[in-house]
Amino acid sequence: MPPRDINGTTSDHPLSDYVQAYLDRTKLSHRQLARQCRDPETGHGLNHTYIGALAANEVTRVPDMWRLRALAAGMKTESQADVTEEYRRRLEEIKRLAAIQWLDLGDVLKVDAGGGTWITVNVPEGLSERRRQRLIKWAEDMARELDQED
């Protein structure tokens, strides 16, 4: 089974789809998005040709971490109550999608473990929907257990 993207549909290139959906939703050009994409750690920025290649699924290798951070910083939402928390969540989602797209992890579940951290679980190929739901419940139970104080 191909991996599921952020909308629950299947895709072999979920990060590319995520970037293209963002561009479509915001009506930004590749150049406009690139101007917003600056890695908060290194200060490096993305150029418009890289954004275009990423959105078109033409990037052939896993992006460097600074590129993922720059992308997360540039993909802002309209209403951000906590900019830092929103950036961290977006970065974790972008890292997960990159892992699926370039590291051939297949379907990867993401479960909120509280405090801006996530548990990711690789879902074995061919798992029935019933067993997939059981795996989701186990991951949620694990996240809840980790969130509890000792």
N, C-alpha and C. Protein backbone atom coordinates (compact mmCIF):
# COMPACT_ATOMS: atom_id res chain seq x y z
N MET A 1 0.84 -1.17 0.00
CA MET A 1 0.00 0.00 0.00
C MET A 1 0.89 1.24 0.00
N PRO A 2 0.66 2.20 -0.90
CA PRO A 2 1.45 3.43 -0.87
C PRO A 2 1.20 4.20 0.43
N PRO A 3 2.14 5.03 0.84
CA PRO A 3 1.97 5.77 2.10
C PRO A 3 0.80 6.74 2.02
N ARG A 4 0.21 7.03 3.19
CA ARG A 4 -0.88 7.99 3.26
C ARG A 4 -0.30 9.38 3.47
N ASP A 5 -0.87 10.37 2.77
CA ASP A 5 -0.41 11.73 2.95
C ASP A 5 -1.17 12.38 4.10
N ILE A 6 -0.96 13.68 4.30
CA ILE A 6 -1.56 14.37 5.43
C ILE A 6 -3.07 14.42 5.38
N ASN A 7 -3.66 14.18 4.22
CA ASN A 7 -5.11 14.18 4.10
C ASN A 7 -5.70 12.78 4.21
N GLY A 8 -4.85 11.77 4.46
CA GLY A 8 -5.32 10.40 4.58
C GLY A 8 -5.39 9.67 3.25
N THR A 9 -5.08 10.34 2.15
CA THR A 9 -5.05 9.68 0.85
C THR A 9 -3.65 9.12 0.63
N THR A 10 -3.50 8.31 -0.40
CA THR A 10 -2.20 7.70 -0.63
C THR A 10 -1.38 8.52 -1.62
N SER A 11 -0.07 8.54 -1.40
CA SER A 11 0.85 9.29 -2.25
C SER A 11 2.25 8.73 -2.10
N ASP A 12 2.99 8.71 -3.20
CA ASP A 12 4.38 8.29 -3.15
C ASP A 12 5.32 9.47 -2.97
N HIS A 13 4.78 10.68 -2.97
CA HIS A 13 5.59 11.89 -2.81
C HIS A 13 4.83 12.91 -1.95
N PRO A 14 4.63 12.57 -0.68
CA PRO A 14 3.79 13.42 0.18
C PRO A 14 4.36 14.80 0.49
N LEU A 15 5.69 14.95 0.59
CA LEU A 15 6.22 16.29 0.86
C LEU A 15 6.02 17.19 -0.36
N SER A 16 6.24 16.67 -1.54
CA SER A 16 5.99 17.45 -2.75
C SER A 16 4.52 17.87 -2.82
N ASP A 17 3.62 16.94 -2.51
CA ASP A 17 2.19 17.26 -2.50
C ASP A 17 1.86 18.33 -1.46
N TYR A 18 2.50 18.23 -0.29
CA TYR A 18 2.29 19.18 0.80
C TYR A 18 2.70 20.59 0.38
N VAL A 19 3.85 20.71 -0.26
CA VAL A 19 4.33 22.01 -0.73
C VAL A 19 3.41 22.56 -1.82
N GLN A 20 3.03 21.71 -2.78
CA GLN A 20 2.14 22.17 -3.85
C GLN A 20 0.79 22.60 -3.30
N ALA A 21 0.26 21.85 -2.34
CA ALA A 21 -1.03 22.22 -1.73
C ALA A 21 -0.92 23.56 -1.00
N TYR A 22 0.21 23.80 -0.36
CA TYR A 22 0.43 25.08 0.32
C TYR A 22 0.46 26.22 -0.69
N LEU A 23 1.17 26.03 -1.79
CA LEU A 23 1.23 27.05 -2.84
C LEU A 23 -0.15 27.32 -3.42
N ASP A 24 -0.91 26.27 -3.67
CA ASP A 24 -2.26 26.42 -4.20
C ASP A 24 -3.17 27.17 -3.22
N ARG A 25 -3.08 26.79 -1.96
CA ARG A 25 -3.94 27.39 -0.92
C ARG A 25 -3.62 28.86 -0.69
N THR A 26 -2.34 29.20 -0.67
CA THR A 26 -1.93 30.57 -0.35
C THR A 26 -1.82 31.46 -1.58
N LYS A 27 -1.84 30.84 -2.77
CA LYS A 27 -1.68 31.58 -4.04
C LYS A 27 -0.32 32.27 -4.14
N LEU A 28 0.67 31.74 -3.41
CA LEU A 28 2.03 32.28 -3.49
C LEU A 28 2.75 31.70 -4.70
N SER A 29 3.63 32.47 -5.29
CA SER A 29 4.50 31.96 -6.35
C SER A 29 5.70 31.26 -5.70
N HIS A 30 6.46 30.56 -6.50
CA HIS A 30 7.68 29.92 -5.98
C HIS A 30 8.62 30.97 -5.41
N ARG A 31 8.74 32.10 -6.09
CA ARG A 31 9.62 33.18 -5.62
C ARG A 31 9.15 33.75 -4.29
N GLN A 32 7.84 33.96 -4.16
CA GLN A 32 7.30 34.53 -2.92
C GLN A 32 7.54 33.59 -1.74
N LEU A 33 7.29 32.30 -1.95
CA LEU A 33 7.53 31.34 -0.87
C LEU A 33 9.02 31.28 -0.55
N ALA A 34 9.86 31.28 -1.56
CA ALA A 34 11.31 31.19 -1.33
C ALA A 34 11.80 32.36 -0.48
N ARG A 35 11.25 33.55 -0.68
CA ARG A 35 11.65 34.71 0.13
C ARG A 35 11.33 34.51 1.61
N GLN A 36 10.32 33.70 1.91
CA GLN A 36 9.93 33.45 3.30
C GLN A 36 10.73 32.31 3.94
N CYS A 37 11.39 31.49 3.13
CA CYS A 37 12.04 30.26 3.60
C CYS A 37 13.50 30.51 3.97
N ARG A 38 13.73 30.77 5.24
CA ARG A 38 15.08 30.99 5.76
C ARG A 38 15.24 30.13 7.00
N ASP A 39 16.29 29.30 7.00
CA ASP A 39 16.57 28.42 8.15
C ASP A 39 16.89 29.27 9.37
N PRO A 40 16.13 29.11 10.46
CA PRO A 40 16.40 29.91 11.66
C PRO A 40 17.74 29.60 12.32
N GLU A 41 18.33 28.45 12.04
CA GLU A 41 19.60 28.08 12.66
C GLU A 41 20.82 28.57 11.88
N THR A 42 20.78 28.42 10.55
CA THR A 42 21.96 28.78 9.75
C THR A 42 21.80 30.09 8.99
N GLY A 43 20.56 30.51 8.80
CA GLY A 43 20.30 31.71 8.01
C GLY A 43 20.25 31.45 6.52
N HIS A 44 20.50 30.21 6.08
CA HIS A 44 20.43 29.86 4.66
C HIS A 44 18.98 29.93 4.19
N GLY A 45 18.82 30.35 2.94
CA GLY A 45 17.48 30.44 2.36
C GLY A 45 17.33 29.52 1.17
N LEU A 46 16.09 29.20 0.86
CA LEU A 46 15.78 28.39 -0.32
C LEU A 46 15.59 29.31 -1.52
N ASN A 47 15.94 28.83 -2.71
CA ASN A 47 15.67 29.62 -3.91
C ASN A 47 14.41 29.11 -4.60
N HIS A 48 13.88 29.92 -5.49
CA HIS A 48 12.60 29.59 -6.13
C HIS A 48 12.69 28.35 -7.01
N THR A 49 13.84 28.08 -7.60
CA THR A 49 13.94 26.89 -8.43
C THR A 49 13.87 25.62 -7.58
N TYR A 50 14.42 25.67 -6.36
CA TYR A 50 14.33 24.51 -5.47
C TYR A 50 12.87 24.29 -5.04
N ILE A 51 12.17 25.37 -4.70
CA ILE A 51 10.75 25.26 -4.32
C ILE A 51 9.97 24.62 -5.47
N GLY A 52 10.21 25.10 -6.69
CA GLY A 52 9.51 24.54 -7.86
C GLY A 52 9.82 23.08 -8.07
N ALA A 53 11.08 22.71 -7.93
CA ALA A 53 11.48 21.31 -8.11
C ALA A 53 10.87 20.43 -7.01
N LEU A 54 10.85 20.93 -5.80
CA LEU A 54 10.26 20.17 -4.70
C LEU A 54 8.77 19.96 -4.93
N ALA A 55 8.05 21.02 -5.29
CA ALA A 55 6.61 20.92 -5.52
C ALA A 55 6.28 19.99 -6.69
N ALA A 56 7.17 19.93 -7.67
CA ALA A 56 6.95 19.09 -8.86
C ALA A 56 7.50 17.67 -8.69
N ASN A 57 7.98 17.33 -7.51
CA ASN A 57 8.55 16.02 -7.25
C ASN A 57 9.77 15.75 -8.13
N GLU A 58 10.62 16.76 -8.29
CA GLU A 58 11.82 16.62 -9.11
C GLU A 58 13.10 16.66 -8.28
N VAL A 59 12.99 16.72 -6.96
CA VAL A 59 14.16 16.66 -6.09
C VAL A 59 14.50 15.18 -5.92
N THR A 60 15.72 14.81 -6.28
CA THR A 60 16.06 13.38 -6.36
C THR A 60 16.63 12.78 -5.08
N ARG A 61 16.99 13.61 -4.10
CA ARG A 61 17.54 13.04 -2.86
C ARG A 61 16.91 13.76 -1.67
N VAL A 62 17.01 13.11 -0.53
CA VAL A 62 16.41 13.68 0.68
C VAL A 62 17.02 15.07 0.95
N PRO A 63 16.17 16.05 1.22
CA PRO A 63 16.69 17.40 1.49
C PRO A 63 17.54 17.45 2.76
N ASP A 64 18.55 18.32 2.74
CA ASP A 64 19.34 18.55 3.95
C ASP A 64 18.43 19.10 5.03
N MET A 65 18.83 18.91 6.28
CA MET A 65 18.01 19.36 7.40
C MET A 65 17.78 20.86 7.37
N TRP A 66 18.79 21.63 6.97
CA TRP A 66 18.60 23.09 6.93
C TRP A 66 17.50 23.47 5.95
N ARG A 67 17.37 22.71 4.85
CA ARG A 67 16.32 22.99 3.88
C ARG A 67 14.93 22.70 4.48
N LEU A 68 14.83 21.63 5.25
CA LEU A 68 13.55 21.31 5.88
C LEU A 68 13.17 22.38 6.90
N ARG A 69 14.17 22.84 7.68
CA ARG A 69 13.89 23.91 8.65
C ARG A 69 13.48 25.20 7.95
N ALA A 70 14.16 25.53 6.84
CA ALA A 70 13.81 26.74 6.09
C ALA A 70 12.39 26.64 5.54
N LEU A 71 12.04 25.48 5.02
CA LEU A 71 10.70 25.27 4.49
C LEU A 71 9.66 25.43 5.60
N ALA A 72 9.91 24.83 6.75
CA ALA A 72 8.98 24.94 7.88
C ALA A 72 8.83 26.39 8.33
N ALA A 73 9.92 27.13 8.33
CA ALA A 73 9.86 28.54 8.73
C ALA A 73 9.09 29.37 7.72
N GLY A 74 9.19 29.02 6.46
CA GLY A 74 8.54 29.80 5.42
C GLY A 74 7.07 29.51 5.21
N MET A 75 6.63 28.32 5.60
CA MET A 75 5.23 27.93 5.37
C MET A 75 4.38 28.35 6.56
N LYS A 76 4.10 29.62 6.64
CA LYS A 76 3.37 30.19 7.76
C LYS A 76 1.87 29.99 7.58
N THR A 77 1.17 29.93 8.71
CA THR A 77 -0.28 29.91 8.67
C THR A 77 -0.79 31.32 8.93
N GLU A 78 -2.03 31.56 8.57
CA GLU A 78 -2.60 32.90 8.70
C GLU A 78 -2.74 33.32 10.16
N SER A 79 -3.16 32.40 11.02
CA SER A 79 -3.34 32.77 12.43
C SER A 79 -2.47 31.89 13.30
N GLN A 80 -1.40 32.44 13.78
CA GLN A 80 -0.48 31.68 14.62
C GLN A 80 -0.46 32.30 16.01
N ALA A 81 -1.06 31.59 16.97
CA ALA A 81 -1.05 32.08 18.34
C ALA A 81 0.35 31.96 18.92
N ASP A 82 0.98 30.81 18.73
CA ASP A 82 2.33 30.57 19.23
C ASP A 82 3.21 30.21 18.04
N VAL A 83 3.97 31.16 17.55
CA VAL A 83 4.78 30.97 16.35
C VAL A 83 5.79 29.84 16.53
N THR A 84 6.44 29.78 17.68
CA THR A 84 7.45 28.75 17.93
C THR A 84 6.83 27.36 17.92
N GLU A 85 5.72 27.19 18.60
CA GLU A 85 5.05 25.89 18.65
C GLU A 85 4.57 25.48 17.25
N GLU A 86 4.00 26.43 16.52
CA GLU A 86 3.52 26.15 15.17
C GLU A 86 4.68 25.74 14.26
N TYR A 87 5.81 26.42 14.37
CA TYR A 87 7.00 26.07 13.58
C TYR A 87 7.46 24.65 13.92
N ARG A 88 7.53 24.32 15.21
CA ARG A 88 7.99 22.98 15.61
C ARG A 88 7.07 21.90 15.08
N ARG A 89 5.77 22.12 15.15
CA ARG A 89 4.82 21.13 14.64
C ARG A 89 4.96 20.97 13.13
N ARG A 90 5.08 22.09 12.44
CA ARG A 90 5.22 22.04 10.98
C ARG A 90 6.53 21.35 10.60
N LEU A 91 7.61 21.63 11.32
CA LEU A 91 8.89 20.98 11.03
C LEU A 91 8.79 19.47 11.23
N GLU A 92 8.16 19.03 12.30
CA GLU A 92 8.00 17.59 12.52
C GLU A 92 7.20 16.95 11.40
N GLU A 93 6.15 17.61 10.94
CA GLU A 93 5.34 17.08 9.84
C GLU A 93 6.17 17.02 8.55
N ILE A 94 6.94 18.06 8.27
CA ILE A 94 7.78 18.09 7.07
C ILE A 94 8.84 17.00 7.13
N LYS A 95 9.45 16.79 8.29
CA LYS A 95 10.45 15.72 8.44
C LYS A 95 9.81 14.35 8.21
N ARG A 96 8.61 14.15 8.74
CA ARG A 96 7.91 12.88 8.57
C ARG A 96 7.61 12.64 7.09
N LEU A 97 7.11 13.67 6.40
CA LEU A 97 6.79 13.53 4.98
C LEU A 97 8.04 13.28 4.15
N ALA A 98 9.14 13.94 4.49
CA ALA A 98 10.40 13.70 3.78
C ALA A 98 10.87 12.26 3.99
N ALA A 99 10.73 11.75 5.20
CA ALA A 99 11.13 10.36 5.49
C ALA A 99 10.32 9.39 4.64
N ILE A 100 9.03 9.65 4.53
CA ILE A 100 8.18 8.78 3.72
C ILE A 100 8.61 8.85 2.25
N GLN A 101 8.83 10.07 1.75
CA GLN A 101 9.11 10.26 0.32
C GLN A 101 10.48 9.73 -0.09
N TRP A 102 11.50 9.98 0.71
CA TRP A 102 12.86 9.63 0.27
C TRP A 102 13.44 8.40 0.95
N LEU A 103 12.96 8.04 2.11
CA LEU A 103 13.55 6.91 2.82
C LEU A 103 12.71 5.65 2.69
N ASP A 104 11.67 5.71 1.88
CA ASP A 104 10.84 4.55 1.57
C ASP A 104 10.30 3.87 2.84
N LEU A 105 9.81 4.69 3.76
CA LEU A 105 9.26 4.13 5.00
C LEU A 105 7.82 3.67 4.85
N GLY A 106 7.20 3.98 3.74
CA GLY A 106 5.82 3.60 3.56
C GLY A 106 4.91 4.44 4.43
N ASP A 107 3.87 3.83 4.94
CA ASP A 107 2.88 4.52 5.76
C ASP A 107 3.45 4.77 7.15
N VAL A 108 3.50 6.03 7.57
CA VAL A 108 4.04 6.39 8.87
C VAL A 108 2.97 7.12 9.66
N LEU A 109 2.61 6.57 10.83
CA LEU A 109 1.66 7.23 11.71
C LEU A 109 2.37 8.26 12.55
N LYS A 110 1.67 9.35 12.85
CA LYS A 110 2.21 10.38 13.74
C LYS A 110 1.18 10.58 14.85
N VAL A 111 1.61 10.39 16.10
CA VAL A 111 0.72 10.54 17.24
C VAL A 111 1.30 11.58 18.19
N ASP A 112 0.49 12.56 18.57
CA ASP A 112 0.91 13.63 19.47
C ASP A 112 1.22 13.04 20.85
N ALA A 113 2.44 13.29 21.33
CA ALA A 113 2.84 12.81 22.65
C ALA A 113 2.84 13.95 23.66
N GLY A 114 2.30 15.11 23.28
CA GLY A 114 2.22 16.25 24.19
C GLY A 114 3.50 17.05 24.20
N GLY A 115 3.38 18.31 24.55
CA GLY A 115 4.55 19.17 24.66
C GLY A 115 5.28 19.40 23.35
N GLY A 116 4.57 19.28 22.23
CA GLY A 116 5.19 19.52 20.94
C GLY A 116 6.03 18.36 20.43
N THR A 117 5.92 17.18 21.05
CA THR A 117 6.66 16.00 20.59
C THR A 117 5.69 14.99 20.00
N TRP A 118 6.23 14.13 19.16
CA TRP A 118 5.41 13.16 18.44
C TRP A 118 6.05 11.79 18.47
N ILE A 119 5.21 10.78 18.41
CA ILE A 119 5.68 9.41 18.21
C ILE A 119 5.36 9.07 16.76
N THR A 120 6.33 8.55 16.04
CA THR A 120 6.07 8.10 14.68
C THR A 120 6.26 6.59 14.64
N VAL A 121 5.35 5.94 13.94
CA VAL A 121 5.36 4.48 13.85
C VAL A 121 5.22 4.10 12.38
N ASN A 122 6.14 3.28 11.90
CA ASN A 122 6.05 2.78 10.54
C ASN A 122 5.00 1.67 10.49
N VAL A 123 4.00 1.83 9.61
CA VAL A 123 2.93 0.84 9.49
C VAL A 123 3.34 -0.21 8.48
N PRO A 124 3.38 -1.46 8.90
CA PRO A 124 3.77 -2.52 7.96
C PRO A 124 2.87 -2.56 6.73
N GLU A 125 3.47 -2.82 5.57
CA GLU A 125 2.73 -2.91 4.32
C GLU A 125 1.73 -4.06 4.38
N GLY A 126 0.58 -3.84 3.82
CA GLY A 126 -0.43 -4.89 3.74
C GLY A 126 -1.25 -5.07 5.01
N LEU A 127 -1.09 -4.20 5.98
CA LEU A 127 -1.85 -4.30 7.21
C LEU A 127 -3.32 -3.99 6.93
N SER A 128 -4.21 -4.82 7.44
CA SER A 128 -5.63 -4.56 7.24
C SER A 128 -6.03 -3.29 7.97
N GLU A 129 -7.16 -2.71 7.59
CA GLU A 129 -7.62 -1.48 8.24
C GLU A 129 -7.90 -1.73 9.73
N ARG A 130 -8.42 -2.91 10.06
CA ARG A 130 -8.69 -3.24 11.46
C ARG A 130 -7.39 -3.26 12.28
N ARG A 131 -6.36 -3.89 11.72
CA ARG A 131 -5.06 -3.94 12.42
C ARG A 131 -4.38 -2.57 12.43
N ARG A 132 -4.57 -1.80 11.38
CA ARG A 132 -4.03 -0.43 11.34
C ARG A 132 -4.64 0.40 12.47
N GLN A 133 -5.95 0.27 12.67
CA GLN A 133 -6.62 1.00 13.75
C GLN A 133 -6.11 0.55 15.12
N ARG A 134 -5.82 -0.73 15.26
CA ARG A 134 -5.26 -1.25 16.51
C ARG A 134 -3.87 -0.65 16.76
N LEU A 135 -3.06 -0.57 15.69
CA LEU A 135 -1.73 0.03 15.81
C LEU A 135 -1.83 1.51 16.21
N ILE A 136 -2.79 2.22 15.64
CA ILE A 136 -3.02 3.62 16.01
C ILE A 136 -3.35 3.71 17.49
N LYS A 137 -4.23 2.84 17.97
CA LYS A 137 -4.61 2.86 19.39
C LYS A 137 -3.40 2.58 20.27
N TRP A 138 -2.56 1.63 19.91
CA TRP A 138 -1.35 1.34 20.69
C TRP A 138 -0.43 2.56 20.74
N ALA A 139 -0.26 3.21 19.60
CA ALA A 139 0.60 4.40 19.56
C ALA A 139 0.02 5.52 20.43
N GLU A 140 -1.30 5.70 20.38
CA GLU A 140 -1.95 6.70 21.23
C GLU A 140 -1.79 6.37 22.70
N ASP A 141 -1.94 5.09 23.05
CA ASP A 141 -1.73 4.66 24.44
C ASP A 141 -0.29 4.92 24.88
N MET A 142 0.67 4.63 24.00
CA MET A 142 2.08 4.87 24.31
C MET A 142 2.32 6.37 24.52
N ALA A 143 1.75 7.21 23.66
CA ALA A 143 1.92 8.66 23.79
C ALA A 143 1.32 9.15 25.10
N ARG A 144 0.15 8.65 25.44
CA ARG A 144 -0.50 9.03 26.71
C ARG A 144 0.36 8.62 27.90
N GLU A 145 0.92 7.43 27.84
CA GLU A 145 1.78 6.93 28.91
C GLU A 145 3.03 7.79 29.06
N LEU A 146 3.62 8.20 27.93
CA LEU A 146 4.82 9.04 27.97
C LEU A 146 4.50 10.43 28.50
N ASP A 147 3.28 10.88 28.27
CA ASP A 147 2.88 12.24 28.68
C ASP A 147 2.61 12.32 30.19
N GLN A 148 2.39 11.17 30.82
CA GLN A 148 2.10 11.16 32.26
C GLN A 148 3.38 11.31 33.06
N GLU A 149 3.29 12.03 34.15
CA GLU A 149 4.46 12.21 35.02
C GLU A 149 4.68 10.96 35.85
N ASP A 150 5.95 10.70 36.15
CA ASP A 150 6.28 9.52 36.98
C ASP A 150 6.05 9.83 38.44
